[in-house]
Amino acid sequence: MFRAFARTGVDPAEDGIAELVSDRMAAAAQGPHLAKALAALSSQDRSAILLLAWGQLSYAEIAAVLNLPLGTVKAKIHRARTKLRKALLGENNDG
């Protein structure tokens, strides 16, 4: 870390801290909106998107867990992303 600091003049411990804090604050503010949007999804759509995002499973792994064809999983995730994006963008425009 000290060698990088000496070479670049950029303290790696401070670089990007303000941006990181800002990103975390923005994400925390979206928490209730995200929870509401997730609750509005169908059970299988919600399971698929959460297994992808939080479980970090591959599409094939999600298909195996949910006992669904791979194409169905891809469609469910696409549909869930679209609905979540629309819900979160709508919340940002309303408030």
N, C-alpha and C. Protein backbone atom coordinates (compact mmCIF):
# COMPACT_ATOMS: atom_id res chain seq x y z
N MET A 1 0.82 -1.18 0.00
CA MET A 1 0.00 0.00 0.00
C MET A 1 0.88 1.26 0.00
N PHE A 2 1.92 1.25 0.80
CA PHE A 2 2.81 2.42 0.87
C PHE A 2 3.57 2.62 -0.43
N ARG A 3 3.94 1.51 -1.09
CA ARG A 3 4.64 1.63 -2.38
C ARG A 3 3.70 2.26 -3.42
N ALA A 4 2.45 1.84 -3.42
CA ALA A 4 1.48 2.41 -4.36
C ALA A 4 1.31 3.91 -4.09
N PHE A 5 1.26 4.27 -2.83
CA PHE A 5 1.12 5.68 -2.46
C PHE A 5 2.33 6.48 -2.92
N ALA A 6 3.52 5.92 -2.73
CA ALA A 6 4.74 6.60 -3.14
C ALA A 6 4.80 6.75 -4.66
N ARG A 7 4.36 5.73 -5.40
CA ARG A 7 4.39 5.77 -6.86
C ARG A 7 3.37 6.74 -7.45
N THR A 8 2.17 6.74 -6.90
CA THR A 8 1.08 7.48 -7.52
C THR A 8 0.75 8.81 -6.84
N GLY A 9 1.08 8.92 -5.57
CA GLY A 9 0.70 10.11 -4.82
C GLY A 9 -0.76 10.08 -4.39
N VAL A 10 -1.44 8.97 -4.66
CA VAL A 10 -2.84 8.81 -4.29
C VAL A 10 -2.91 7.84 -3.12
N ASP A 11 -3.43 8.31 -2.02
CA ASP A 11 -3.55 7.46 -0.84
C ASP A 11 -4.66 6.43 -1.09
N PRO A 12 -4.32 5.13 -1.19
CA PRO A 12 -5.35 4.12 -1.46
C PRO A 12 -6.38 4.00 -0.35
N ALA A 13 -6.03 4.43 0.84
CA ALA A 13 -6.98 4.37 1.95
C ALA A 13 -8.04 5.45 1.82
N GLU A 14 -7.75 6.54 1.12
CA GLU A 14 -8.70 7.64 0.99
C GLU A 14 -9.33 7.71 -0.38
N ASP A 15 -8.69 7.12 -1.38
CA ASP A 15 -9.17 7.22 -2.75
C ASP A 15 -10.57 6.62 -2.88
N GLY A 16 -11.52 7.44 -3.29
CA GLY A 16 -12.87 6.96 -3.54
C GLY A 16 -13.75 6.84 -2.31
N ILE A 17 -13.29 7.25 -1.16
CA ILE A 17 -14.08 7.11 0.07
C ILE A 17 -15.37 7.92 -0.02
N ALA A 18 -15.28 9.16 -0.48
CA ALA A 18 -16.48 10.00 -0.57
C ALA A 18 -17.48 9.40 -1.54
N GLU A 19 -16.98 8.89 -2.67
CA GLU A 19 -17.88 8.26 -3.65
C GLU A 19 -18.51 7.00 -3.07
N LEU A 20 -17.73 6.21 -2.35
CA LEU A 20 -18.24 4.99 -1.73
C LEU A 20 -19.33 5.32 -0.71
N VAL A 21 -19.10 6.32 0.11
CA VAL A 21 -20.09 6.73 1.10
C VAL A 21 -21.36 7.21 0.41
N SER A 22 -21.19 8.00 -0.63
CA SER A 22 -22.34 8.50 -1.39
C SER A 22 -23.14 7.35 -2.00
N ASP A 23 -22.46 6.38 -2.58
CA ASP A 23 -23.13 5.23 -3.17
C ASP A 23 -23.89 4.43 -2.12
N ARG A 24 -23.27 4.24 -0.96
CA ARG A 24 -23.94 3.49 0.11
C ARG A 24 -25.16 4.23 0.65
N MET A 25 -25.06 5.53 0.75
CA MET A 25 -26.20 6.33 1.22
C MET A 25 -27.35 6.25 0.22
N ALA A 26 -27.03 6.35 -1.05
CA ALA A 26 -28.06 6.26 -2.09
C ALA A 26 -28.71 4.88 -2.08
N ALA A 27 -27.91 3.84 -1.92
CA ALA A 27 -28.44 2.48 -1.88
C ALA A 27 -29.33 2.29 -0.65
N ALA A 28 -28.91 2.82 0.49
CA ALA A 28 -29.71 2.69 1.71
C ALA A 28 -31.05 3.41 1.56
N ALA A 29 -31.04 4.54 0.90
CA ALA A 29 -32.28 5.29 0.69
C ALA A 29 -33.25 4.53 -0.20
N GLN A 30 -32.72 3.70 -1.10
CA GLN A 30 -33.57 2.92 -2.01
C GLN A 30 -34.10 1.65 -1.35
N GLY A 31 -33.58 1.29 -0.18
CA GLY A 31 -33.97 0.04 0.49
C GLY A 31 -35.46 -0.18 0.61
N PRO A 32 -36.21 0.75 1.19
CA PRO A 32 -37.66 0.55 1.31
C PRO A 32 -38.36 0.44 -0.04
N HIS A 33 -37.91 1.23 -1.02
CA HIS A 33 -38.51 1.17 -2.35
C HIS A 33 -38.23 -0.18 -3.01
N LEU A 34 -36.99 -0.67 -2.82
CA LEU A 34 -36.63 -1.96 -3.38
C LEU A 34 -37.44 -3.08 -2.74
N ALA A 35 -37.62 -3.01 -1.43
CA ALA A 35 -38.40 -4.04 -0.73
C ALA A 35 -39.84 -4.06 -1.24
N LYS A 36 -40.41 -2.89 -1.43
CA LYS A 36 -41.78 -2.79 -1.94
C LYS A 36 -41.87 -3.37 -3.36
N ALA A 37 -40.88 -3.04 -4.20
CA ALA A 37 -40.86 -3.54 -5.57
C ALA A 37 -40.66 -5.05 -5.60
N LEU A 38 -39.81 -5.57 -4.74
CA LEU A 38 -39.60 -7.02 -4.67
C LEU A 38 -40.87 -7.73 -4.21
N ALA A 39 -41.56 -7.15 -3.26
CA ALA A 39 -42.80 -7.75 -2.75
C ALA A 39 -43.88 -7.82 -3.82
N ALA A 40 -43.83 -6.90 -4.78
CA ALA A 40 -44.83 -6.87 -5.85
C ALA A 40 -44.58 -7.94 -6.93
N LEU A 41 -43.38 -8.51 -6.95
CA LEU A 41 -43.08 -9.56 -7.93
C LEU A 41 -43.76 -10.86 -7.57
N SER A 42 -43.95 -11.71 -8.57
CA SER A 42 -44.46 -13.05 -8.28
C SER A 42 -43.40 -13.79 -7.47
N SER A 43 -43.81 -14.81 -6.78
CA SER A 43 -42.90 -15.57 -5.93
C SER A 43 -41.72 -16.14 -6.71
N GLN A 44 -41.99 -16.73 -7.87
CA GLN A 44 -40.89 -17.31 -8.66
C GLN A 44 -39.99 -16.25 -9.26
N ASP A 45 -40.55 -15.14 -9.73
CA ASP A 45 -39.73 -14.06 -10.27
C ASP A 45 -38.82 -13.50 -9.17
N ARG A 46 -39.37 -13.31 -7.99
CA ARG A 46 -38.60 -12.78 -6.85
C ARG A 46 -37.50 -13.77 -6.47
N SER A 47 -37.83 -15.05 -6.40
CA SER A 47 -36.82 -16.06 -6.05
C SER A 47 -35.69 -16.07 -7.07
N ALA A 48 -36.04 -16.00 -8.35
CA ALA A 48 -35.02 -16.05 -9.40
C ALA A 48 -34.09 -14.85 -9.30
N ILE A 49 -34.64 -13.65 -9.15
CA ILE A 49 -33.79 -12.45 -9.12
C ILE A 49 -32.95 -12.40 -7.84
N LEU A 50 -33.49 -12.87 -6.73
CA LEU A 50 -32.72 -12.86 -5.48
C LEU A 50 -31.61 -13.92 -5.50
N LEU A 51 -31.89 -15.07 -6.11
CA LEU A 51 -30.84 -16.09 -6.22
C LEU A 51 -29.70 -15.59 -7.11
N LEU A 52 -30.04 -14.79 -8.11
CA LEU A 52 -29.01 -14.23 -8.99
C LEU A 52 -28.24 -13.12 -8.28
N ALA A 53 -28.97 -12.16 -7.72
CA ALA A 53 -28.34 -10.97 -7.15
C ALA A 53 -27.66 -11.23 -5.81
N TRP A 54 -28.37 -11.84 -4.90
CA TRP A 54 -27.81 -12.03 -3.56
C TRP A 54 -27.16 -13.40 -3.39
N GLY A 55 -27.73 -14.41 -4.03
CA GLY A 55 -27.15 -15.75 -3.93
C GLY A 55 -25.98 -15.95 -4.86
N GLN A 56 -25.85 -15.06 -5.85
CA GLN A 56 -24.77 -15.12 -6.84
C GLN A 56 -24.72 -16.46 -7.56
N LEU A 57 -25.90 -17.04 -7.79
CA LEU A 57 -25.98 -18.28 -8.54
C LEU A 57 -26.01 -17.96 -10.03
N SER A 58 -25.56 -18.91 -10.83
CA SER A 58 -25.64 -18.77 -12.28
C SER A 58 -27.07 -19.07 -12.71
N TYR A 59 -27.38 -18.74 -13.96
CA TYR A 59 -28.71 -19.04 -14.48
C TYR A 59 -28.99 -20.55 -14.41
N ALA A 60 -27.99 -21.35 -14.75
CA ALA A 60 -28.15 -22.81 -14.71
C ALA A 60 -28.40 -23.30 -13.28
N GLU A 61 -27.70 -22.72 -12.32
CA GLU A 61 -27.90 -23.11 -10.92
C GLU A 61 -29.29 -22.71 -10.44
N ILE A 62 -29.74 -21.54 -10.86
CA ILE A 62 -31.08 -21.09 -10.48
C ILE A 62 -32.13 -22.02 -11.08
N ALA A 63 -31.93 -22.41 -12.33
CA ALA A 63 -32.85 -23.34 -12.99
C ALA A 63 -32.93 -24.65 -12.21
N ALA A 64 -31.80 -25.14 -11.74
CA ALA A 64 -31.78 -26.38 -10.96
C ALA A 64 -32.48 -26.21 -9.62
N VAL A 65 -32.22 -25.10 -8.94
CA VAL A 65 -32.84 -24.85 -7.63
C VAL A 65 -34.35 -24.72 -7.75
N LEU A 66 -34.80 -23.98 -8.76
CA LEU A 66 -36.23 -23.74 -8.92
C LEU A 66 -36.93 -24.84 -9.74
N ASN A 67 -36.14 -25.79 -10.24
CA ASN A 67 -36.67 -26.89 -11.06
C ASN A 67 -37.44 -26.35 -12.26
N LEU A 68 -36.80 -25.42 -12.97
CA LEU A 68 -37.39 -24.79 -14.15
C LEU A 68 -36.41 -24.90 -15.31
N PRO A 69 -36.93 -24.85 -16.55
CA PRO A 69 -36.03 -24.80 -17.70
C PRO A 69 -35.20 -23.52 -17.69
N LEU A 70 -34.01 -23.60 -18.26
CA LEU A 70 -33.09 -22.46 -18.29
C LEU A 70 -33.72 -21.25 -18.96
N GLY A 71 -34.41 -21.45 -20.07
CA GLY A 71 -35.06 -20.34 -20.78
C GLY A 71 -36.11 -19.65 -19.92
N THR A 72 -36.83 -20.42 -19.13
CA THR A 72 -37.84 -19.85 -18.24
C THR A 72 -37.19 -18.98 -17.18
N VAL A 73 -36.07 -19.45 -16.65
CA VAL A 73 -35.34 -18.67 -15.64
C VAL A 73 -34.86 -17.36 -16.24
N LYS A 74 -34.30 -17.42 -17.44
CA LYS A 74 -33.83 -16.19 -18.09
C LYS A 74 -34.98 -15.21 -18.29
N ALA A 75 -36.14 -15.73 -18.70
CA ALA A 75 -37.31 -14.86 -18.91
C ALA A 75 -37.78 -14.26 -17.60
N LYS A 76 -37.80 -15.05 -16.53
CA LYS A 76 -38.24 -14.56 -15.23
C LYS A 76 -37.31 -13.46 -14.71
N ILE A 77 -36.02 -13.66 -14.89
CA ILE A 77 -35.06 -12.66 -14.43
C ILE A 77 -35.18 -11.38 -15.25
N HIS A 78 -35.35 -11.53 -16.55
CA HIS A 78 -35.54 -10.35 -17.40
C HIS A 78 -36.80 -9.59 -16.99
N ARG A 79 -37.88 -10.32 -16.77
CA ARG A 79 -39.15 -9.71 -16.37
C ARG A 79 -38.99 -9.02 -15.01
N ALA A 80 -38.34 -9.68 -14.07
CA ALA A 80 -38.15 -9.11 -12.73
C ALA A 80 -37.30 -7.84 -12.80
N ARG A 81 -36.23 -7.86 -13.57
CA ARG A 81 -35.38 -6.68 -13.71
C ARG A 81 -36.17 -5.51 -14.29
N THR A 82 -36.97 -5.80 -15.30
CA THR A 82 -37.77 -4.75 -15.94
C THR A 82 -38.75 -4.14 -14.95
N LYS A 83 -39.44 -4.98 -14.19
CA LYS A 83 -40.41 -4.49 -13.21
C LYS A 83 -39.72 -3.71 -12.10
N LEU A 84 -38.59 -4.21 -11.62
CA LEU A 84 -37.86 -3.50 -10.56
C LEU A 84 -37.36 -2.15 -11.04
N ARG A 85 -36.79 -2.13 -12.23
CA ARG A 85 -36.28 -0.88 -12.78
C ARG A 85 -37.41 0.14 -12.92
N LYS A 86 -38.54 -0.31 -13.45
CA LYS A 86 -39.68 0.59 -13.63
C LYS A 86 -40.18 1.10 -12.27
N ALA A 87 -40.27 0.22 -11.29
CA ALA A 87 -40.76 0.61 -9.97
C ALA A 87 -39.80 1.59 -9.30
N LEU A 88 -38.50 1.34 -9.39
CA LEU A 88 -37.53 2.21 -8.73
C LEU A 88 -37.42 3.56 -9.45
N LEU A 89 -37.48 3.56 -10.76
CA LEU A 89 -37.45 4.83 -11.48
C LEU A 89 -38.72 5.63 -11.19
N GLY A 90 -39.85 4.96 -11.06
CA GLY A 90 -41.10 5.63 -10.72
C GLY A 90 -41.05 6.25 -9.35
N GLU A 91 -40.44 5.56 -8.39
CA GLU A 91 -40.31 6.09 -7.03
C GLU A 91 -39.42 7.33 -7.03
N ASN A 92 -38.34 7.28 -7.82
CA ASN A 92 -37.42 8.43 -7.86
C ASN A 92 -38.11 9.65 -8.47
N ASN A 93 -38.96 9.45 -9.46
CA ASN A 93 -39.64 10.57 -10.09
C ASN A 93 -40.76 11.13 -9.23
N ASP A 94 -41.36 10.27 -8.38
CA ASP A 94 -42.45 10.72 -7.52
C ASP A 94 -41.95 11.50 -6.31
N GLY A 95 -40.75 11.16 -5.84
CA GLY A 95 -40.30 11.76 -4.60
C GLY A 95 -39.13 12.60 -4.78
